[in-house]
Amino acid sequence: MRRRTFLSALGTGVGAITLGNMRKTRAAEIPGVTATEIRIGNTMPYSGIGSDFGVIGRGDAAYFRMINDQGGINGRMIHFISLDDSYTPPKTVEQTRRLLEQDQAAFIFNGLGTAPGSAVRPYLNHEHVPQLFLMTGADKWGNFQQFPWTLGWQPSYRTEAQIYAKYILANRPDAKIALFWQNDDWGKDFVTGVKDVLSERFDRMVVRSVSYEATDPTVDSQVVAMQSSGADTVVSATASVKFAQAVRKMHALGWKPLHLVSNNAASIGGV
């Protein structure tokens, strides 16, 4: 069932706060919203290759418990339903369908990952269900004309890479750069950001560009390839597990380049 009622009931303002301020007489018109409850759906990798990010979902749940302890939103309690997708796009599709068709979530909130978010974007937009505040900084979330029901949240990966490239030009203009990135829209946006800034200097300064698949067991071969290139500076768009593997391999090789790291893996505690 396509949820056209969202369009008339919410207009351009969607989200838990907006839902909470709607007149109670309209609540019955919106799936997942009653006079006493708002159902929020979420997918998160609680297992598998991205399980270290599962703490985000647990943090979301704790926040909504706090809201409920304070009386909810205009008397409505938040029912936060967070399902494990293992950072696997087909599983994200399966769990998202369950959230809407079985659990009757009003909208999808804070899903993690570019590939998982991309997998469900067409379905959610076709059904006119808000896909809100994605935990990913890919440029693609700004395509509001084609996907008006999708809204990103995280700062742009491309902009982040541009900042790193500007730092290198200002402080290490003769740097030999290796780019190390996950082979998806996230990693590709990072490479594009570096190209934006280096421009005609890109081919001269970037001595190696290596990618990995999210499902690769290790990144040892990529680290060896970067070291062999003579790079003295590494710009990484990597998840925390792969970043930790790379740092461990660099240490084993005795290789100590300047390492600029995407915000996804910048937490010392997380790595």
Protein backbone atom coordinates (compact mmCIF):
# COMPACT_ATOMS: atom_id res chain seq x y z
CA MET A 1 0.00 0.00 0.00
CA ARG A 2 1.40 3.36 -1.03
CA ARG A 3 1.25 5.75 1.92
CA ARG A 4 -0.12 8.86 0.26
CA THR A 5 -1.64 9.97 3.55
CA PHE A 6 1.81 11.17 4.60
CA LEU A 7 1.81 13.80 1.91
CA SER A 8 -1.45 15.45 2.94
CA ALA A 9 -0.95 15.02 6.66
CA LEU A 10 2.65 16.13 6.97
CA GLY A 11 3.30 18.41 4.02
CA THR A 12 6.96 19.22 3.94
CA GLY A 13 7.58 18.73 7.67
CA VAL A 14 8.18 15.12 8.61
CA GLY A 15 9.70 13.63 11.71
CA ALA A 16 8.87 12.63 15.21
CA ILE A 17 8.42 16.17 16.51
CA THR A 18 6.09 17.12 13.66
CA LEU A 19 4.10 13.93 14.11
CA GLY A 20 3.81 14.63 17.81
CA ASN A 21 2.34 18.09 17.21
CA MET A 22 -0.34 16.96 14.78
CA ARG A 23 -3.94 17.09 15.94
CA LYS A 24 -5.02 13.79 17.43
CA THR A 25 -7.93 13.63 15.02
CA ARG A 26 -5.42 13.14 12.20
CA ALA A 27 -3.37 10.41 13.89
CA ALA A 28 -5.56 7.59 12.62
CA GLU A 29 -4.82 8.64 9.04
CA ILE A 30 -1.11 7.83 9.31
CA PRO A 31 0.22 4.26 9.56
CA GLY A 32 2.31 3.86 12.69
CA VAL A 33 0.84 6.86 14.50
CA THR A 34 -2.01 6.64 17.01
CA ALA A 35 -3.27 8.90 19.76
CA THR A 36 -0.82 7.21 22.14
CA GLU A 37 2.11 5.93 20.05
CA ILE A 38 4.56 6.71 17.24
CA ARG A 39 6.32 3.73 15.65
CA ILE A 40 9.79 4.48 14.28
CA GLY A 41 11.63 1.90 12.16
CA ASN A 42 15.39 1.46 11.91
CA THR A 43 17.92 -0.99 10.48
CA MET A 44 21.38 -1.31 11.97
CA PRO A 45 24.28 -3.82 11.70
CA TYR A 46 24.18 -5.54 15.07
CA SER A 47 26.04 -8.49 13.56
CA GLY A 48 28.47 -9.10 10.70
CA ILE A 49 31.09 -6.84 9.18
CA GLY A 50 29.65 -3.58 10.49
CA SER A 51 28.62 -4.72 13.94
CA ASP A 52 30.86 -2.15 15.64
CA PHE A 53 28.38 0.49 14.42
CA GLY A 54 25.54 -1.24 16.26
CA VAL A 55 26.25 1.05 19.20
CA ILE A 56 24.51 3.80 17.20
CA GLY A 57 21.23 1.91 17.22
CA ARG A 58 21.58 1.22 20.92
CA GLY A 59 22.22 4.92 21.48
CA ASP A 60 19.09 5.81 19.49
CA ALA A 61 17.06 3.38 21.60
CA ALA A 62 18.41 4.87 24.82
CA TYR A 63 17.50 8.38 23.66
CA PHE A 64 13.92 7.40 22.84
CA ARG A 65 13.60 5.67 26.22
CA MET A 66 14.58 8.98 27.79
CA ILE A 67 11.92 10.79 25.75
CA ASN A 68 9.33 8.25 26.88
CA ASP A 69 10.42 8.60 30.51
CA GLN A 70 9.74 12.33 30.15
CA GLY A 71 6.22 11.74 28.88
CA GLY A 72 6.81 11.15 25.19
CA ILE A 73 5.84 13.64 22.48
CA ASN A 74 2.52 15.32 23.26
CA GLY A 75 1.56 12.24 25.21
CA ARG A 76 2.61 9.79 22.51
CA MET A 77 5.18 7.15 23.41
CA ILE A 78 7.95 6.33 20.93
CA HIS A 79 8.07 2.68 19.91
CA PHE A 80 11.54 2.37 18.35
CA ILE A 81 11.87 -0.85 16.34
CA SER A 82 15.49 -1.50 15.32
CA LEU A 83 16.29 -4.63 13.29
CA ASP A 84 19.64 -6.19 12.40
CA ASP A 85 20.59 -5.98 8.71
CA SER A 86 24.23 -7.13 9.10
CA TYR A 87 25.28 -4.26 6.76
CA THR A 88 23.98 -6.42 3.89
CA PRO A 89 21.74 -4.61 1.37
CA PRO A 90 19.42 -7.59 0.62
CA LYS A 91 18.89 -8.00 4.36
CA THR A 92 18.20 -4.26 4.67
CA VAL A 93 15.45 -4.60 2.06
CA GLU A 94 13.95 -7.59 3.87
CA GLN A 95 14.01 -5.90 7.27
CA THR A 96 12.69 -2.60 5.94
CA ARG A 97 9.72 -4.34 4.34
CA ARG A 98 9.06 -6.05 7.65
CA LEU A 99 9.19 -2.73 9.50
CA LEU A 100 6.56 -1.21 7.21
CA GLU A 101 4.35 -4.15 6.32
CA GLN A 102 4.36 -6.06 9.63
CA ASP A 103 5.48 -3.65 12.32
CA GLN A 104 3.65 -0.68 10.78
CA ALA A 105 6.48 1.82 11.32
CA ALA A 106 5.52 5.38 10.45
CA PHE A 107 8.90 6.11 8.88
CA ILE A 108 12.50 4.85 8.68
CA PHE A 109 15.02 6.72 10.80
CA ASN A 110 18.85 6.87 10.91
CA GLY A 111 19.62 3.76 8.85
CA LEU A 112 23.35 3.15 8.62
CA GLY A 113 25.41 2.76 5.48
CA THR A 114 25.47 4.01 1.90
CA ALA A 115 24.87 0.62 0.26
CA PRO A 116 22.07 -0.44 2.66
CA GLY A 117 20.38 2.97 2.36
CA SER A 118 20.63 2.87 -1.43
CA ALA A 119 19.02 -0.56 -1.53
CA VAL A 120 15.79 0.61 0.13
CA ARG A 121 15.58 4.15 -1.23
CA PRO A 122 13.52 3.26 -4.35
CA TYR A 123 11.05 1.19 -2.31
CA LEU A 124 10.56 3.84 0.38
CA ASN A 125 10.12 6.65 -2.15
CA HIS A 126 7.68 4.57 -4.20
CA GLU A 127 5.63 4.00 -1.04
CA HIS A 128 5.94 7.66 0.03
CA VAL A 129 7.54 6.71 3.34
CA PRO A 130 10.09 9.14 4.81
CA GLN A 131 13.66 7.81 4.96
CA LEU A 132 15.06 10.24 7.49
CA PHE A 133 18.53 11.26 8.67
CA LEU A 134 20.61 8.53 7.03
CA MET A 135 23.87 7.75 8.80
CA THR A 136 25.95 8.27 5.65
CA GLY A 137 27.49 11.29 3.93
CA ALA A 138 27.22 10.25 0.27
CA ASP A 139 26.39 13.00 -2.22
CA LYS A 140 23.50 10.94 -3.61
CA TRP A 141 21.22 11.80 -0.68
CA GLY A 142 20.85 15.31 -2.07
CA ASN A 143 18.82 14.11 -5.09
CA PHE A 144 15.53 15.53 -3.82
CA GLN A 145 13.87 15.80 -7.21
CA GLN A 146 14.02 12.07 -7.87
CA PHE A 147 13.88 10.90 -4.23
CA PRO A 148 11.96 13.53 -2.23
CA TRP A 149 11.26 11.17 0.68
CA THR A 150 14.95 10.60 1.46
CA LEU A 151 16.94 12.94 3.71
CA GLY A 152 20.60 12.54 4.61
CA TRP A 153 22.19 13.71 7.82
CA GLN A 154 25.93 13.06 8.00
CA PRO A 155 28.36 15.68 6.61
CA SER A 156 29.40 15.14 3.00
CA TYR A 157 32.19 12.62 2.38
CA ARG A 158 33.19 14.59 -0.70
CA THR A 159 33.55 17.78 1.33
CA GLU A 160 35.54 15.94 3.98
CA ALA A 161 37.97 14.67 1.34
CA GLN A 162 38.30 18.18 -0.08
CA ILE A 163 39.32 19.43 3.37
CA TYR A 164 42.01 16.76 3.65
CA ALA A 165 43.32 17.53 0.17
CA LYS A 166 43.54 21.25 0.98
CA TYR A 167 45.46 20.40 4.13
CA ILE A 168 47.93 18.32 2.13
CA LEU A 169 48.49 21.10 -0.42
CA ALA A 170 49.07 23.64 2.34
CA ASN A 171 51.34 21.50 4.51
CA ARG A 172 52.82 18.78 2.29
CA PRO A 173 52.80 20.11 -1.28
CA ASP A 174 55.29 17.45 -2.39
CA ALA A 175 53.36 14.57 -0.80
CA LYS A 176 53.12 11.20 -2.46
CA ILE A 177 49.54 10.20 -1.77
CA ALA A 178 47.89 6.79 -1.57
CA LEU A 179 44.09 6.70 -1.58
CA PHE A 180 42.53 3.82 0.35
CA TRP A 181 38.78 3.47 0.00
CA GLN A 182 35.76 1.20 0.25
CA ASN A 183 34.44 0.30 -3.19
CA ASP A 184 31.02 1.95 -3.03
CA ASP A 185 29.51 5.42 -3.36
CA TRP A 186 31.15 6.48 -0.10
CA GLY A 187 34.67 5.65 -1.27
CA LYS A 188 34.06 7.03 -4.75
CA ASP A 189 32.83 10.32 -3.29
CA PHE A 190 36.05 10.52 -1.28
CA VAL A 191 38.20 10.03 -4.38
CA THR A 192 36.15 12.65 -6.21
CA GLY A 193 36.68 15.12 -3.36
CA VAL A 194 40.46 14.71 -3.57
CA LYS A 195 40.32 15.18 -7.35
CA ASP A 196 38.25 18.35 -6.94
CA VAL A 197 41.08 20.00 -5.01
CA LEU A 198 44.21 18.52 -6.58
CA SER A 199 42.81 19.03 -10.07
CA GLU A 200 45.64 18.75 -12.63
CA ARG A 201 48.05 17.75 -9.83
CA PHE A 202 46.06 14.61 -9.04
CA ASP A 203 47.92 12.25 -11.39
CA ARG A 204 51.28 13.52 -10.18
CA MET A 205 50.59 13.50 -6.45
CA VAL A 206 48.46 10.35 -6.15
CA VAL A 207 50.90 7.48 -6.61
CA ARG A 208 48.44 4.71 -5.74
CA SER A 209 44.67 4.33 -5.37
CA VAL A 210 43.46 1.05 -3.89
CA SER A 211 39.99 -0.10 -2.91
CA TYR A 212 38.52 -3.00 -0.99
CA GLU A 213 35.13 -4.67 -0.82
CA ALA A 214 33.19 -4.43 2.44
CA THR A 215 33.13 -8.23 2.55
CA ASP A 216 36.92 -8.67 2.16
CA PRO A 217 38.32 -10.55 5.18
CA THR A 218 41.47 -8.39 5.37
CA VAL A 219 43.12 -5.42 3.65
CA ASP A 220 46.72 -6.59 4.04
CA SER A 221 47.36 -6.75 0.30
CA GLN A 222 46.08 -3.20 -0.17
CA VAL A 223 48.42 -1.89 2.55
CA VAL A 224 51.40 -3.67 0.99
CA ALA A 225 50.51 -2.15 -2.39
CA MET A 226 50.35 1.35 -0.91
CA GLN A 227 53.69 0.96 0.86
CA SER A 228 55.32 -0.37 -2.31
CA SER A 229 54.19 2.71 -4.22
CA GLY A 230 56.45 4.94 -2.12
CA ALA A 231 53.52 6.87 -0.66
CA ASP A 232 54.25 8.99 2.40
CA THR A 233 50.64 10.14 2.90
CA VAL A 234 47.48 8.02 3.04
CA VAL A 235 43.92 9.30 2.75
CA SER A 236 41.45 6.66 3.94
CA ALA A 237 37.71 6.24 3.43
CA THR A 238 37.41 3.06 5.44
CA ALA A 239 35.11 1.51 8.02
CA SER A 240 36.56 1.12 11.50
CA VAL A 241 37.31 -2.62 11.25
CA LYS A 242 39.19 -2.21 7.97
CA PHE A 243 40.98 0.85 9.30
CA ALA A 244 42.12 -1.11 12.36
CA GLN A 245 43.38 -3.90 10.09
CA ALA A 246 45.27 -1.36 7.99
CA VAL A 247 46.91 0.28 11.01
CA ARG A 248 47.95 -3.12 12.34
CA LYS A 249 49.51 -4.07 8.99
CA MET A 250 51.28 -0.71 8.68
CA HIS A 251 52.79 -1.25 12.11
CA ALA A 252 53.91 -4.76 11.17
CA LEU A 253 55.62 -3.36 8.07
CA GLY A 254 57.24 -0.50 9.99
CA TRP A 255 55.53 1.94 7.62
CA LYS A 256 54.55 5.30 9.15
CA PRO A 257 52.92 7.58 6.58
CA LEU A 258 50.80 10.58 7.50
CA HIS A 259 47.34 9.02 7.70
CA LEU A 260 44.22 11.16 7.18
CA VAL A 261 41.11 9.22 8.17
CA SER A 262 37.42 9.52 7.35
CA ASN A 263 35.18 10.42 10.27
CA ASN A 264 33.68 6.92 10.06
CA ALA A 265 36.83 5.49 11.64
CA ALA A 266 38.23 8.48 13.51
CA SER A 267 37.25 7.28 16.99
CA ILE A 268 40.21 5.84 18.89
CA GLY A 269 37.85 3.92 21.14
CA GLY A 270 35.91 2.53 18.20
CA VAL A 271 39.06 1.35 16.43
